[in-house]
Every structure is written in structure tokens, then in C-alpha cells.
Protein backbone atom coordinates (compact mmCIF):
# COMPACT_ATOMS: atom_id res chain seq x y z
CA MET A 1 302.79 40.43 104.53
CA LYS A 2 301.30 43.92 104.40
CA TRP A 3 302.77 46.31 101.87
CA PHE A 4 305.29 48.90 103.11
CA VAL A 5 308.19 51.10 102.06
CA PRO A 6 311.11 51.06 104.50
CA HIS A 7 311.40 54.12 106.75
CA ALA A 8 308.08 55.66 105.57
CA SER A 9 306.23 57.21 108.53
CA SER A 10 302.80 56.52 107.14
CA ASN A 11 300.99 54.72 104.33
CA GLU A 12 300.57 58.07 102.57
CA LYS A 13 304.34 58.72 102.72
CA ALA A 14 304.99 55.13 101.49
CA LEU A 15 302.75 55.78 98.46
CA GLU A 16 304.57 59.06 97.81
CA ILE A 17 307.95 57.45 97.89
CA TYR A 18 306.82 54.48 95.77
CA GLU A 19 305.40 56.76 93.09
CA SER A 20 308.59 58.91 93.12
CA ILE A 21 310.68 55.75 92.52
CA LYS A 22 308.51 54.88 89.51
CA LYS A 23 308.84 58.44 88.11
CA HIS A 24 312.61 58.48 88.65
CA LEU A 25 312.94 55.18 86.84
CA ALA A 26 310.71 56.38 83.97
CA ARG A 27 313.12 59.26 83.45
CA VAL A 28 316.38 57.35 83.86
CA VAL A 29 315.48 54.09 82.10
CA GLY A 30 312.73 55.36 79.82
CA VAL A 31 310.16 52.86 81.18
CA SER A 32 306.66 53.73 80.15
CA SER A 33 304.80 51.61 82.69
CA PHE A 34 305.24 49.17 85.54
CA SER A 35 302.89 46.46 86.69
CA ASP A 36 300.52 47.26 89.56
CA ARG A 37 301.95 44.31 91.46
CA ARG A 38 303.56 45.07 94.82
CA ILE A 39 306.41 42.61 95.07
CA HIS A 40 307.79 41.67 98.48
CA ARG A 41 310.64 39.38 97.53
CA ILE A 42 312.38 37.70 94.58
CA ALA A 43 315.08 35.09 94.39
CA PHE A 44 317.29 34.87 91.33
CA SER A 45 320.51 33.54 89.97
CA HIS A 46 323.36 35.88 89.11
CA ASN A 47 326.60 34.36 87.72
CA THR A 48 325.72 31.02 89.32
CA LYS A 49 325.15 32.73 92.72
CA HIS A 50 321.76 32.60 94.44
CA VAL A 51 320.52 36.06 95.45
CA THR A 52 317.46 37.18 97.36
CA ALA A 53 316.11 40.68 97.23
CA GLU A 54 313.47 41.47 99.83
CA VAL A 55 311.90 44.80 100.64
CA GLY A 56 313.26 46.06 103.95
CA LYS A 57 316.29 43.78 103.94
CA ILE A 58 319.87 44.24 102.78
CA MET A 59 320.58 42.77 99.35
CA HIS A 60 324.10 41.33 98.82
CA LEU A 61 324.91 41.45 95.10
CA ARG A 62 328.38 42.20 93.80
CA GLU A 63 329.40 45.50 95.39
CA ILE A 64 325.83 46.32 96.34
CA ARG A 65 325.11 45.98 100.08
CA GLU A 66 321.97 48.08 100.52
CA GLU A 67 318.44 47.90 101.80
CA VAL A 68 315.80 47.13 99.17
CA PHE A 69 313.08 49.86 99.05
CA ALA A 70 311.00 48.47 96.24
CA ILE A 71 310.83 45.70 93.61
CA LEU A 72 308.93 46.67 90.46
CA TYR A 73 307.98 44.54 87.53
CA GLU A 74 308.19 45.93 84.01
CA PRO A 75 306.05 43.67 81.73
CA GLY A 76 307.11 45.31 78.48
CA ARG A 77 310.69 44.00 78.79
CA ASN A 78 309.90 41.21 81.26
CA LEU A 79 312.22 42.68 83.87
CA TYR A 80 312.26 43.17 87.58
CA HIS A 81 313.70 46.42 88.99
CA VAL A 82 315.29 46.03 92.41
CA CYS A 83 315.48 49.52 93.96
CA THR A 84 317.98 50.48 96.65
CA PRO A 85 319.05 53.98 97.71
CA SER A 86 321.90 54.23 95.20
CA ARG A 87 320.25 52.06 92.57
CA GLY A 88 316.92 53.47 91.58
CA VAL A 89 315.69 55.41 94.63
CA LEU A 90 317.96 58.41 94.98
CA ARG A 91 320.02 58.16 91.85
CA ASP A 92 321.01 55.97 88.90
CA MET A 93 319.06 53.06 87.55
CA SER A 94 317.73 50.06 89.43
CA VAL A 95 319.31 46.61 89.50
CA LEU A 96 317.78 44.84 86.51
CA VAL A 97 316.81 41.20 86.84
CA GLY A 98 315.51 39.29 83.87
CA ALA A 99 312.40 37.23 84.54
CA ASP A 100 314.22 34.18 83.18
CA GLU A 101 316.74 34.51 86.04
CA VAL A 102 314.04 34.61 88.74
CA THR A 103 313.37 31.41 90.63
CA PHE A 104 310.83 32.72 93.16
CA VAL A 105 308.49 35.71 93.46
CA GLU A 106 306.37 36.69 96.43
CA ASP A 107 303.93 39.56 96.30
CA PHE A 108 302.70 41.52 99.32
CA ASP A 109 299.27 40.63 100.56
CA PRO A 110 296.46 42.26 98.57
CA GLU A 111 295.00 45.30 100.26
């Protein structure tokens, strides 16, 4: 699948939003760098529940029922950051998923 950011009107706007998410998380979480990977979907276990986070779709996790805007990988701590409007895009920190909890990862197609 071709890379996108939900609701972005152009590829340029998508890049702008994506970079602003990274900058926001760098401030909030103190992350120095993210992988260059563009991740489309991950599946993971959370408290014995199977969860899928996919860019452009609603993620159902605990009280979170929001559209996923981006999934970033932080190699330094071996964490995935699932970003929704209230968790990592507009405010607060992302949903953190340890790589050891992830059962499936799918990247967007290379450009």
C-alpha cells in the first residue's frame, strides 16, 4: 500500500503532518530519533487481547477508540509509537507498544 497520512490533502501536507508528529513526540517523550520506516500496520497483544493498529483505521484499545495517523518505530528503546489524535498527534504521548508484544508488522510500499 502507498504511504499516506489520513486526511492530508497532498503528499506535501502528509509529510508536514508526519514530521510534526515526530517533533511533538521528541518533545513529549524525549525521543532522539525514529526509524525511517513507514509502518502501515502492527498487530500486538495487550493483556491477552489481540489488537491491530492500522494507519487510517480506528484502533480499539482500552478506552482509546481513535483513528491511527502514524506508527513510528523507535530503535533505541525497541518501541513502536501508535499515534492517534489524542495520543501523540495533537497532545500527550503516543500509545507505546514494546517490540516483544508485536506479532505482525507491515510497512507501506517503498516509494
